[in-house]
């Protein structure tokens, strides 16, 4: 199923600011992104959280909107030639046994590696970087340690994303009518 995503911040029960913030950052890379919850549960939209959390969520949403042309391209290919949109790493690196059991990282198409911070009270992500050329996004700094696990400094406000060398990522500047 190409167009899917989890209920950001959870559906039943109440969330925490840290969980919801990290989930919004992760959710910016879901094919289908939405944040809603059960009737009677505590509100969890960005406006109910601290200014800092709101800014982090806003940054994630702006990144998502800036990548809409890339998403559009992936969905177009998925509908016409049955490709995937979100992939486990072993889809692109089938000869790399290190990728076989990775369940905390994924690729958006063949070119964007997402290594989210999923651990409470943690700012380090232990992530595998496949043997390839990778650039930190959006800085463009090349990752020099590849083909092994790396500890990335990933504070809550950082979206840990890497772009695979040799790919063009179509992007846009979100329009002035975008209100977040």
Foldseek 3Di string as FASTA:
>chain_A
DAQDDDQQQDADAHGDLLRNLLSLLVQLLHNHHDHDYDPPHDDDDLVVDDPVSNVLSVVSVQVSQFQVVQSVVLVVCCVPVNDHQKAQPCVVVVVQPVRPPDDQWIAGPPWKIFRGDNDPPDQKTFDAAAPAWKAWPPVRHTDPDHRGTDIDRHPSSDGGMITTPPDDRRTDRDDPPDDD
